[in-house]
Amino acid sequence: MPAKAKKVTKDSIIAMFMDYVLEHEQFPKTVYKFCKENAIKESDFYLYFGSIETLKKGIWNVFYENTVNVIHKNAEYNGFTNRDKMLTFFYTFFEVLTLNRSYVLFVMEYSNSPLKNLEQLKGLRKNVKDFTKGLISDGNQEKNLKITKHNPQLFSEGAWLQTLFLLNFWKSDESASFEKTDVAIEKSVNTIFDVFDNTPLENILDFGKFLYKEKFA
């Protein structure tokens, strides 16, 4: 007798999917196969996700949503500078990823094509860019001179490239508690803000030395 289908939620589907991927070391071929193995109704799956691909992208969106929910629970967050808000975002985001490290490492290396692996990050890219655009727009409202205002679009693109760099760095980080990733976050955030604030380039040189040491030493 087949197992009785059980009521599921968005979070439970994600948890089952991540377990499936790690247990089988591959993605399910079809929604039918995934649902049958987990004794859930296909109709329940489609309440939340339209396909396996949208589920894969949705997991990254949940990582982002969990990050934002955590940082907004900090009563002091709204009083932070944009630089400190960006630092808080990245520190928290990579804490969330670390809780799911086995899954993230697997899906980011699943295909031999880097572009194929990046396909699942489309939603995350939009979220990160929207987050940083919001920071810059808020900061610009406090500036009277147009010349001192930051370009939200340019800054958000830079923040996304920064996210990809940090993700790649974190994947290779073997330090205890991923301390080197924390250092990379601090240096990269300070660098990008220094660039946009037209401050001296010492931090850029320091960041470059750090990258050279970590990647080529």
Protein backbone atom coordinates (compact mmCIF):
# COMPACT_ATOMS: atom_id res chain seq x y z
CA MET A 1 0.00 0.00 0.00
CA PRO A 2 1.51 3.39 -0.97
CA ALA A 3 2.40 5.80 1.77
CA LYS A 4 -0.30 8.30 2.56
CA ALA A 5 0.40 11.74 1.13
CA LYS A 6 1.05 14.33 3.81
CA LYS A 7 0.29 18.03 3.96
CA VAL A 8 3.36 20.08 3.30
CA THR A 9 4.57 23.69 3.50
CA LYS A 10 7.04 25.70 1.47
CA ASP A 11 9.72 25.18 4.12
CA SER A 12 9.13 21.44 4.33
CA ILE A 13 9.40 21.08 0.54
CA ILE A 14 12.71 22.93 0.63
CA ALA A 15 13.99 20.75 3.48
CA MET A 16 12.95 17.56 1.64
CA PHE A 17 14.54 18.80 -1.58
CA MET A 18 17.85 19.62 0.08
CA ASP A 19 17.88 16.21 1.78
CA TYR A 20 17.08 14.51 -1.52
CA VAL A 21 19.91 16.28 -3.32
CA LEU A 22 22.48 15.43 -0.65
CA GLU A 23 21.32 11.84 -0.26
CA HIS A 24 21.22 11.10 -4.00
CA GLU A 25 24.03 13.47 -5.01
CA GLN A 26 21.90 14.70 -7.88
CA PHE A 27 18.75 16.68 -8.54
CA PRO A 28 15.46 14.82 -8.99
CA LYS A 29 14.69 14.32 -12.68
CA THR A 30 11.01 15.25 -12.34
CA VAL A 31 8.57 16.74 -9.87
CA TYR A 32 6.69 13.43 -10.00
CA LYS A 33 9.73 11.43 -8.89
CA PHE A 34 10.56 13.88 -6.11
CA CYS A 35 7.00 13.93 -4.78
CA LYS A 36 6.58 10.16 -4.97
CA GLU A 37 9.77 9.53 -3.02
CA ASN A 38 8.70 12.00 -0.33
CA ALA A 39 5.07 10.85 -0.24
CA ILE A 40 3.61 14.25 -1.03
CA LYS A 41 1.04 15.37 -3.57
CA GLU A 42 2.24 17.02 -6.76
CA SER A 43 -0.54 19.56 -6.30
CA ASP A 44 1.01 20.57 -2.96
CA PHE A 45 4.39 21.04 -4.62
CA TYR A 46 2.84 23.28 -7.29
CA LEU A 47 1.26 25.48 -4.65
CA TYR A 48 4.73 26.87 -4.00
CA PHE A 49 6.96 26.06 -6.98
CA GLY A 50 6.32 25.68 -10.68
CA SER A 51 9.23 23.34 -11.38
CA ILE A 52 12.43 21.87 -10.00
CA GLU A 53 14.34 24.84 -11.45
CA THR A 54 12.13 27.39 -9.71
CA LEU A 55 12.58 25.47 -6.47
CA LYS A 56 16.37 25.64 -6.85
CA LYS A 57 16.16 29.40 -7.35
CA GLY A 58 13.62 29.70 -4.56
CA ILE A 59 16.01 28.20 -2.03
CA TRP A 60 18.44 31.05 -2.62
CA ASN A 61 15.59 33.52 -2.19
CA VAL A 62 14.80 31.92 1.17
CA PHE A 63 18.46 32.26 2.20
CA TYR A 64 18.15 35.96 1.42
CA GLU A 65 14.80 36.32 3.20
CA ASN A 66 16.16 34.60 6.31
CA THR A 67 19.14 36.96 6.26
CA VAL A 68 16.96 40.08 6.06
CA ASN A 69 14.63 38.78 8.77
CA VAL A 70 17.57 38.22 11.13
CA ILE A 71 19.19 41.61 10.59
CA HIS A 72 15.91 43.47 11.10
CA LYS A 73 15.47 41.77 14.47
CA ASN A 74 18.46 43.80 15.65
CA ALA A 75 16.93 46.88 17.26
CA GLU A 76 20.07 48.90 16.51
CA TYR A 77 20.19 48.06 12.79
CA ASN A 78 18.20 51.08 11.57
CA GLY A 79 20.72 53.38 13.23
CA PHE A 80 23.69 51.81 11.44
CA THR A 81 25.60 53.58 8.70
CA ASN A 82 25.20 52.12 5.19
CA ARG A 83 28.66 50.61 5.52
CA ASP A 84 27.72 48.82 8.73
CA LYS A 85 24.38 47.71 7.25
CA MET A 86 26.25 46.16 4.33
CA LEU A 87 28.70 44.45 6.68
CA THR A 88 25.81 43.13 8.78
CA PHE A 89 24.08 41.83 5.66
CA PHE A 90 27.11 39.89 4.42
CA TYR A 91 28.07 38.53 7.85
CA THR A 92 24.52 37.28 8.37
CA PHE A 93 24.11 35.96 4.82
CA PHE A 94 27.21 33.81 5.09
CA GLU A 95 26.12 32.57 8.51
CA VAL A 96 22.92 31.38 6.83
CA LEU A 97 24.91 29.73 4.03
CA THR A 98 27.19 28.05 6.56
CA LEU A 99 24.16 26.40 8.17
CA ASN A 100 23.46 24.90 4.73
CA ARG A 101 27.06 24.53 3.54
CA SER A 102 26.86 20.94 2.29
CA TYR A 103 23.93 21.78 0.02
CA VAL A 104 25.42 25.05 -1.22
CA LEU A 105 28.78 23.51 -2.05
CA PHE A 106 27.11 20.69 -3.96
CA VAL A 107 24.77 22.82 -6.06
CA MET A 108 27.45 25.40 -6.85
CA GLU A 109 29.73 22.69 -8.25
CA TYR A 110 27.07 20.45 -9.80
CA SER A 111 27.65 21.41 -13.41
CA ASN A 112 30.98 21.72 -15.21
CA SER A 113 29.67 25.00 -16.61
CA PRO A 114 30.06 27.96 -14.22
CA LEU A 115 27.29 29.80 -16.07
CA LYS A 116 24.95 26.86 -15.54
CA ASN A 117 25.68 26.91 -11.81
CA LEU A 118 25.03 30.67 -11.68
CA GLU A 119 21.61 30.27 -13.30
CA GLN A 120 20.06 29.44 -9.92
CA LEU A 121 21.26 32.79 -8.50
CA LYS A 122 19.08 35.02 -10.69
CA GLY A 123 16.58 35.74 -7.92
CA LEU A 124 19.34 36.29 -5.38
CA ARG A 125 21.01 38.77 -7.75
CA LYS A 126 17.82 40.84 -7.94
CA ASN A 127 17.38 40.73 -4.16
CA VAL A 128 20.95 41.80 -3.42
CA LYS A 129 20.78 44.61 -5.98
CA ASP A 130 17.44 45.84 -4.60
CA PHE A 131 18.83 45.74 -1.06
CA THR A 132 21.87 47.83 -1.94
CA LYS A 133 19.88 50.24 -4.12
CA GLY A 134 17.71 50.90 -1.08
CA LEU A 135 20.74 51.67 1.06
CA ILE A 136 22.20 54.08 -1.47
CA SER A 137 18.87 55.82 -2.16
CA ASP A 138 18.39 56.39 1.57
CA GLY A 139 21.93 57.75 1.84
CA ASN A 140 21.48 60.05 -1.15
CA GLN A 141 18.44 61.69 0.44
CA GLU A 142 20.72 62.99 3.17
CA LYS A 143 23.14 64.62 0.69
CA ASN A 144 22.54 68.11 -0.68
CA LEU A 145 25.14 68.17 -3.46
CA LYS A 146 24.50 66.04 -6.52
CA ILE A 147 28.23 65.43 -6.95
CA THR A 148 28.40 63.65 -3.60
CA LYS A 149 25.50 61.33 -4.36
CA HIS A 150 26.12 57.70 -5.28
CA ASN A 151 24.74 55.97 -8.37
CA PRO A 152 22.41 53.24 -7.02
CA GLN A 153 22.58 51.16 -10.21
CA LEU A 154 26.37 51.22 -10.38
CA PHE A 155 26.71 50.53 -6.67
CA SER A 156 24.26 47.63 -6.79
CA GLU A 157 26.17 46.01 -9.66
CA GLY A 158 29.35 46.35 -7.66
CA ALA A 159 27.66 44.79 -4.64
CA TRP A 160 26.53 41.82 -6.73
CA LEU A 161 30.03 41.24 -8.08
CA GLN A 162 31.22 41.48 -4.49
CA THR A 163 28.66 38.84 -3.50
CA LEU A 164 29.95 36.47 -6.19
CA PHE A 165 33.54 37.03 -5.11
CA LEU A 166 32.70 36.37 -1.45
CA LEU A 167 30.68 33.28 -2.36
CA ASN A 168 33.61 31.88 -4.29
CA PHE A 169 35.99 32.78 -1.46
CA TRP A 170 33.76 31.16 1.17
CA LYS A 171 33.50 27.96 -0.89
CA SER A 172 37.27 27.54 -0.67
CA ASP A 173 37.70 28.77 2.90
CA GLU A 174 39.06 26.06 5.20
CA SER A 175 39.82 28.31 8.18
CA ALA A 176 38.23 27.67 11.58
CA SER A 177 34.74 29.19 11.78
CA PHE A 178 35.44 30.61 8.29
CA GLU A 179 37.40 33.46 9.86
CA LYS A 180 39.10 34.31 6.57
CA THR A 181 35.71 34.88 4.96
CA ASP A 182 34.88 37.36 7.72
CA VAL A 183 38.13 39.20 6.95
CA ALA A 184 37.33 39.17 3.22
CA ILE A 185 33.85 40.60 3.95
CA GLU A 186 35.28 43.42 6.04
CA LYS A 187 37.99 44.33 3.54
CA SER A 188 35.73 44.11 0.49
CA VAL A 189 32.92 46.19 2.03
CA ASN A 190 35.37 48.84 3.20
CA THR A 191 36.95 48.87 -0.25
CA ILE A 192 33.74 49.34 -2.20
CA PHE A 193 32.59 52.12 0.10
CA ASP A 194 35.99 53.80 -0.11
CA VAL A 195 35.82 53.71 -3.88
CA PHE A 196 32.42 55.37 -3.91
CA ASP A 197 33.41 57.88 -1.27
CA ASN A 198 36.55 58.86 -3.23
CA THR A 199 38.75 58.24 -0.22
CA PRO A 200 42.46 57.31 -0.40
CA LEU A 201 43.24 53.95 -1.95
CA GLU A 202 45.14 52.37 0.94
CA ASN A 203 42.25 49.99 1.61
CA ILE A 204 42.13 48.93 -2.04
CA LEU A 205 45.83 48.10 -1.93
CA ASP A 206 45.33 46.29 1.37
CA PHE A 207 42.45 44.30 -0.11
CA GLY A 208 44.52 43.43 -3.18
CA LYS A 209 47.37 42.20 -1.01
CA PHE A 210 44.92 40.07 0.99
CA LEU A 211 43.50 38.46 -2.15
CA TYR A 212 46.97 37.81 -3.53
CA LYS A 213 48.10 36.23 -0.28
CA GLU A 214 45.01 34.00 0.00
CA LYS A 215 44.86 32.89 -3.63
CA PHE A 216 48.46 32.78 -4.74
CA ALA A 217 50.71 32.53 -1.69
